[in-house]
Amino acid sequence: MTLADSNYKEFSGRLRRIEKAHRKGYGFEAKGTMGRSSTWRRERSIGKTLRALLVMVLIGWIMKGAIYFYVGDAVYEQRVANMAIGSDFDPIAANIMSADPVTKLVASFLGEVFPQKRQ
């Protein structure tokens, strides 16, 4: 086999491409086996973190709205006022649990969906 052979050039070009791919972390993987990509660490994205945070905030607002709807306006405000005069974490929790426009909007929506459940 000589260096001028076209098969040799094709073969060595393929080897260079495979070695380059291996340096980047790629590799051949048969279906159902654990290969190099199973240990490859994926980059974290700020988008996934922000979406998770947004979902948590939305769930919190929905829960606040459900509590506000279930116990009623006066009772909810009284409980938050009692929490505000507490100690340690209670004033912070009272600030978080205070009825904001989104909470009232969720409660009014629940009042339309479940009108007979209101006390």
C-alpha atoms as a PDB file:
ATOM      1  CA  MET A   1       0.000   0.000   0.000  1.00  0.00           C
ATOM      2  CA  THR A   2       1.413   3.345  -0.963  1.00  0.00           C
ATOM      3  CA  LEU A   3       0.642   6.821   0.273  1.00  0.00           C
ATOM      4  CA  ALA A   4      -0.726   7.714  -3.143  1.00  0.00           C
ATOM      5  CA  ASP A   5      -3.396   5.009  -2.912  1.00  0.00           C
ATOM      6  CA  SER A   6      -6.899   6.570  -2.913  1.00  0.00           C
ATOM      7  CA  ASN A   7      -8.214   4.002  -0.416  1.00  0.00           C
ATOM      8  CA  TYR A   8      -5.463   4.930   2.016  1.00  0.00           C
ATOM      9  CA  LYS A   9      -6.316   8.635   1.748  1.00  0.00           C
ATOM     10  CA  GLU A  10     -10.006   7.895   2.380  1.00  0.00           C
ATOM     11  CA  PHE A  11      -9.145   5.657   5.324  1.00  0.00           C
ATOM     12  CA  SER A  12      -6.783   8.144   6.964  1.00  0.00           C
ATOM     13  CA  GLY A  13      -9.327  10.966   6.442  1.00  0.00           C
ATOM     14  CA  ARG A  14     -11.967   8.863   8.177  1.00  0.00           C
ATOM     15  CA  LEU A  15      -9.568   8.142  11.054  1.00  0.00           C
ATOM     16  CA  ARG A  16      -8.870  11.872  11.473  1.00  0.00           C
ATOM     17  CA  ARG A  17     -12.633  12.628  11.598  1.00  0.00           C
ATOM     18  CA  ILE A  18     -13.206   9.875  14.182  1.00  0.00           C
ATOM     19  CA  GLU A  19     -10.303  11.037  16.359  1.00  0.00           C
ATOM     20  CA  LYS A  20     -11.545  14.625  16.172  1.00  0.00           C
ATOM     21  CA  ALA A  21     -15.031  13.496  17.180  1.00  0.00           C
ATOM     22  CA  HIS A  22     -13.575  11.495  20.087  1.00  0.00           C
ATOM     23  CA  ARG A  23     -11.655  14.536  21.304  1.00  0.00           C
ATOM     24  CA  LYS A  24     -14.962  16.461  21.341  1.00  0.00           C
ATOM     25  CA  GLY A  25     -16.524  13.710  23.444  1.00  0.00           C
ATOM     26  CA  TYR A  26     -18.500  11.871  20.795  1.00  0.00           C
ATOM     27  CA  GLY A  27     -18.379   8.124  20.451  1.00  0.00           C
ATOM     28  CA  PHE A  28     -20.189   5.173  19.004  1.00  0.00           C
ATOM     29  CA  GLU A  29     -22.863   3.807  21.276  1.00  0.00           C
ATOM     30  CA  ALA A  30     -24.910   0.717  20.710  1.00  0.00           C
ATOM     31  CA  LYS A  31     -28.560   1.004  21.697  1.00  0.00           C
ATOM     32  CA  GLY A  32     -29.139   0.080  25.339  1.00  0.00           C
ATOM     33  CA  THR A  33     -25.518   0.446  26.453  1.00  0.00           C
ATOM     34  CA  MET A  34     -23.910   3.083  28.608  1.00  0.00           C
ATOM     35  CA  GLY A  35     -21.432   4.964  26.517  1.00  0.00           C
ATOM     36  CA  ARG A  36     -19.535   8.221  26.738  1.00  0.00           C
ATOM     37  CA  SER A  37     -22.575  10.444  26.420  1.00  0.00           C
ATOM     38  CA  SER A  38     -24.151   8.931  29.539  1.00  0.00           C
ATOM     39  CA  THR A  39     -21.313  10.414  31.560  1.00  0.00           C
ATOM     40  CA  TRP A  40     -21.167  13.639  29.569  1.00  0.00           C
ATOM     41  CA  ARG A  41     -22.078  16.562  31.798  1.00  0.00           C
ATOM     42  CA  ARG A  42     -24.686  18.799  30.268  1.00  0.00           C
ATOM     43  CA  GLU A  43     -24.333  22.539  30.598  1.00  0.00           C
ATOM     44  CA  ARG A  44     -26.711  24.250  32.970  1.00  0.00           C
ATOM     45  CA  SER A  45     -28.889  26.874  31.442  1.00  0.00           C
ATOM     46  CA  ILE A  46     -30.293  29.925  33.170  1.00  0.00           C
ATOM     47  CA  GLY A  47     -33.554  29.414  31.274  1.00  0.00           C
ATOM     48  CA  LYS A  48     -34.382  26.157  33.041  1.00  0.00           C
ATOM     49  CA  THR A  49     -33.641  27.709  36.420  1.00  0.00           C
ATOM     50  CA  LEU A  50     -35.822  30.740  35.688  1.00  0.00           C
ATOM     51  CA  ARG A  51     -38.683  28.547  34.453  1.00  0.00           C
ATOM     52  CA  ALA A  52     -38.535  26.440  37.610  1.00  0.00           C
ATOM     53  CA  LEU A  53     -38.513  29.574  39.766  1.00  0.00           C
ATOM     54  CA  LEU A  54     -41.467  31.016  37.837  1.00  0.00           C
ATOM     55  CA  VAL A  55     -43.451  27.795  38.276  1.00  0.00           C
ATOM     56  CA  MET A  56     -42.772  27.837  42.023  1.00  0.00           C
ATOM     57  CA  VAL A  57     -43.940  31.456  42.313  1.00  0.00           C
ATOM     58  CA  LEU A  58     -47.095  30.716  40.315  1.00  0.00           C
ATOM     59  CA  ILE A  59     -47.896  27.699  42.477  1.00  0.00           C
ATOM     60  CA  GLY A  60     -47.407  29.866  45.572  1.00  0.00           C
ATOM     61  CA  TRP A  61     -49.844  32.484  44.250  1.00  0.00           C
ATOM     62  CA  ILE A  62     -52.404  29.820  43.409  1.00  0.00           C
ATOM     63  CA  MET A  63     -52.107  28.358  46.912  1.00  0.00           C
ATOM     64  CA  LYS A  64     -52.448  31.803  48.494  1.00  0.00           C
ATOM     65  CA  GLY A  65     -55.500  32.492  46.347  1.00  0.00           C
ATOM     66  CA  ALA A  66     -57.051  29.163  47.307  1.00  0.00           C
ATOM     67  CA  ILE A  67     -56.537  29.874  51.019  1.00  0.00           C
ATOM     68  CA  TYR A  68     -57.894  33.408  50.597  1.00  0.00           C
ATOM     69  CA  PHE A  69     -60.958  32.020  48.816  1.00  0.00           C
ATOM     70  CA  TYR A  70     -61.527  29.197  51.303  1.00  0.00           C
ATOM     71  CA  VAL A  71     -61.281  31.156  54.590  1.00  0.00           C
ATOM     72  CA  GLY A  72     -62.711  34.448  53.358  1.00  0.00           C
ATOM     73  CA  ASP A  73     -61.477  38.031  53.317  1.00  0.00           C
ATOM     74  CA  ALA A  74     -61.867  38.994  56.969  1.00  0.00           C
ATOM     75  CA  VAL A  75     -60.499  35.771  58.433  1.00  0.00           C
ATOM     76  CA  TYR A  76     -57.505  35.804  56.083  1.00  0.00           C
ATOM     77  CA  GLU A  77     -56.637  39.410  56.925  1.00  0.00           C
ATOM     78  CA  GLN A  78     -57.015  38.679  60.652  1.00  0.00           C
ATOM     79  CA  ARG A  79     -54.693  35.665  60.463  1.00  0.00           C
ATOM     80  CA  VAL A  80     -52.083  37.656  58.544  1.00  0.00           C
ATOM     81  CA  ALA A  81     -52.333  40.481  61.113  1.00  0.00           C
ATOM     82  CA  ASN A  82     -51.844  37.966  63.948  1.00  0.00           C
ATOM     83  CA  MET A  83     -48.832  36.559  62.140  1.00  0.00           C
ATOM     84  CA  ALA A  84     -47.343  40.040  61.705  1.00  0.00           C
ATOM     85  CA  ILE A  85     -47.111  40.615  65.478  1.00  0.00           C
ATOM     86  CA  GLY A  86     -45.339  37.285  66.033  1.00  0.00           C
ATOM     87  CA  SER A  87     -41.622  36.679  66.409  1.00  0.00           C
ATOM     88  CA  ASP A  88     -38.790  35.198  64.345  1.00  0.00           C
ATOM     89  CA  PHE A  89     -40.033  34.336  60.858  1.00  0.00           C
ATOM     90  CA  ASP A  90     -43.683  35.307  61.423  1.00  0.00           C
ATOM     91  CA  PRO A  91     -43.457  38.965  60.262  1.00  0.00           C
ATOM     92  CA  ILE A  92     -41.660  37.877  57.089  1.00  0.00           C
ATOM     93  CA  ALA A  93     -44.274  35.189  56.467  1.00  0.00           C
ATOM     94  CA  ALA A  94     -47.033  37.752  57.064  1.00  0.00           C
ATOM     95  CA  ASN A  95     -45.470  40.028  54.465  1.00  0.00           C
ATOM     96  CA  ILE A  96     -45.316  37.153  51.970  1.00  0.00           C
ATOM     97  CA  MET A  97     -48.868  35.995  52.760  1.00  0.00           C
ATOM     98  CA  SER A  98     -50.463  39.446  52.590  1.00  0.00           C
ATOM     99  CA  ALA A  99     -53.243  39.622  50.023  1.00  0.00           C
ATOM    100  CA  ASP A 100     -51.924  41.115  46.807  1.00  0.00           C
ATOM    101  CA  PRO A 101     -53.882  41.721  43.582  1.00  0.00           C
ATOM    102  CA  VAL A 102     -52.834  38.388  42.073  1.00  0.00           C
ATOM    103  CA  THR A 103     -54.059  36.509  45.152  1.00  0.00           C
ATOM    104  CA  LYS A 104     -57.387  38.303  45.014  1.00  0.00           C
ATOM    105  CA  LEU A 105     -57.640  37.591  41.284  1.00  0.00           C
ATOM    106  CA  VAL A 106     -57.067  33.867  41.851  1.00  0.00           C
ATOM    107  CA  ALA A 107     -59.628  33.886  44.683  1.00  0.00           C
ATOM    108  CA  SER A 108     -62.208  35.652  42.495  1.00  0.00           C
ATOM    109  CA  PHE A 109     -61.607  33.109  39.727  1.00  0.00           C
ATOM    110  CA  LEU A 110     -62.120  30.278  42.205  1.00  0.00           C
ATOM    111  CA  GLY A 111     -65.306  32.032  43.373  1.00  0.00           C
ATOM    112  CA  GLU A 112     -66.619  31.892  39.813  1.00  0.00           C
ATOM    113  CA  VAL A 113     -65.666  28.260  39.365  1.00  0.00           C
ATOM    114  CA  PHE A 114     -66.894  27.072  42.791  1.00  0.00           C
ATOM    115  CA  PRO A 115     -69.632  29.529  43.848  1.00  0.00           C
ATOM    116  CA  GLN A 116     -71.300  27.172  46.360  1.00  0.00           C
ATOM    117  CA  LYS A 117     -68.060  26.478  48.275  1.00  0.00           C
ATOM    118  CA  ARG A 118     -67.703  30.067  49.513  1.00  0.00           C
ATOM    119  CA  GLN A 119     -68.380  30.509  53.233  1.00  0.00           C
END
